[in-house]
Protein backbone atom coordinates (compact mmCIF):
# COMPACT_ATOMS: atom_id res chain seq x y z
CA MET A 1 0.00 -0.01 -0.01
CA ARG A 2 1.20 3.46 -0.83
CA LEU A 3 2.44 5.55 2.26
CA ASP A 4 -0.03 8.49 1.72
CA LYS A 5 -2.90 6.03 1.50
CA TYR A 6 -1.73 4.18 4.62
CA LEU A 7 -1.56 7.38 6.60
CA LYS A 8 -5.08 8.25 5.60
CA VAL A 9 -6.60 4.77 6.15
CA SER A 10 -4.92 4.50 9.46
CA ARG A 11 -6.04 7.99 10.36
CA ILE A 12 -2.57 9.09 11.50
CA ILE A 13 -3.29 11.97 9.13
CA LYS A 14 -6.86 12.67 8.28
CA ARG A 15 -6.72 13.62 4.65
CA ARG A 16 -4.84 11.90 1.87
CA THR A 17 -3.86 15.20 0.27
CA VAL A 18 -2.35 16.35 3.43
CA ALA A 19 -0.51 13.06 3.77
CA LYS A 20 0.84 13.44 0.27
CA GLU A 21 2.11 16.95 1.00
CA ALA A 22 3.85 15.83 4.31
CA CYS A 23 5.49 12.91 2.39
CA ASP A 24 6.62 15.07 -0.53
CA GLY A 25 7.77 17.72 1.86
CA GLY A 26 10.22 15.23 3.33
CA ARG A 27 8.45 15.18 6.82
CA VAL A 28 7.95 11.47 6.77
CA THR A 29 10.67 8.83 7.09
CA ILE A 30 10.59 4.90 7.07
CA GLY A 31 13.43 3.33 8.82
CA GLY A 32 15.39 6.53 9.00
CA LYS A 33 15.09 7.28 5.29
CA VAL A 34 13.00 10.08 3.69
CA ALA A 35 9.83 8.50 2.10
CA LYS A 36 7.82 9.79 -0.81
CA ALA A 37 4.08 9.40 -1.02
CA GLY A 38 4.30 6.46 -3.36
CA THR A 39 6.55 4.42 -1.13
CA GLU A 40 5.20 0.99 -0.37
CA VAL A 41 4.78 0.22 3.33
CA LYS A 42 4.65 -3.13 5.08
CA VAL A 43 4.06 -4.57 8.51
CA GLY A 44 7.03 -3.96 10.78
CA ASP A 45 8.06 -0.60 9.14
CA VAL A 46 8.78 2.28 11.58
CA LEU A 47 7.39 5.62 10.54
CA GLU A 48 8.57 8.91 11.86
CA ILE A 49 6.42 11.93 11.06
CA ARG A 50 7.10 15.57 11.68
CA PHE A 51 3.68 17.31 11.34
CA GLY A 52 3.11 20.79 12.61
CA ASN A 53 4.72 20.93 16.02
CA ARG A 54 4.40 17.19 16.59
CA LEU A 55 7.03 14.49 16.16
CA GLY A 56 5.69 10.96 16.19
CA GLN A 57 7.05 7.39 15.73
CA TYR A 58 4.77 4.59 14.75
CA ARG A 59 5.34 0.84 14.05
CA ILE A 60 3.02 -0.51 11.32
CA THR A 61 1.06 -3.61 12.77
CA ALA A 62 -1.52 -4.16 9.93
CA VAL A 63 -1.99 -2.96 6.35
CA GLU A 64 -5.62 -3.01 5.13
CA GLU A 65 -7.39 -1.27 2.39
CA VAL A 66 -10.60 -0.46 4.30
CA VAL A 67 -10.89 -0.03 8.01
CA ARG A 68 -13.67 1.30 10.23
CA LYS A 69 -12.87 4.49 12.18
CA GLU A 70 -13.09 2.62 15.55
CA ASN A 71 -10.51 0.08 14.31
CA ALA A 72 -7.97 2.50 12.65
CA SER A 73 -5.58 2.70 15.63
CA ALA A 74 -5.07 -1.04 15.60
CA MET A 75 -3.10 -0.58 12.36
CA TYR A 76 -0.14 0.94 14.16
CA GLU A 77 1.62 1.03 17.46
CA VAL A 78 2.68 4.41 18.91
CA LEU A 79 6.33 4.30 19.88
CA SER A 80 6.56 8.05 20.76
CA GLU A 81 4.69 11.32 20.24
CA ASP A 82 6.28 14.51 21.24
CA SER A 83 6.08 18.17 20.43
CA GLU A 84 9.17 19.56 18.65
CA THR A 85 9.66 22.23 21.31
CA LYS A 86 9.78 19.53 24.04
CA ALA A 87 12.24 17.44 21.97
CA GLN A 88 14.54 20.46 21.26
CA ARG A 89 14.84 21.25 25.09
CA GLU A 90 15.95 17.77 25.95
């Protein structure tokens, strides 16, 4: 599955166009490497997303085409979520 679609389906980012812009802007990495919107994701990949003032790390636990809103958070495991300002102070 494409990275931008995964971010939308999992609801890490609510809209696919916003997810695509984040990817193409170099704010999303997979395994430490900058990832474009069309990059294929698989179970076990670790995503790092800088979005607004947030910095989040997520491990992909499932890749599904269609998921109900209530079950979307089961598609990933949150490794960390911090604001950039907090991360810069430490």
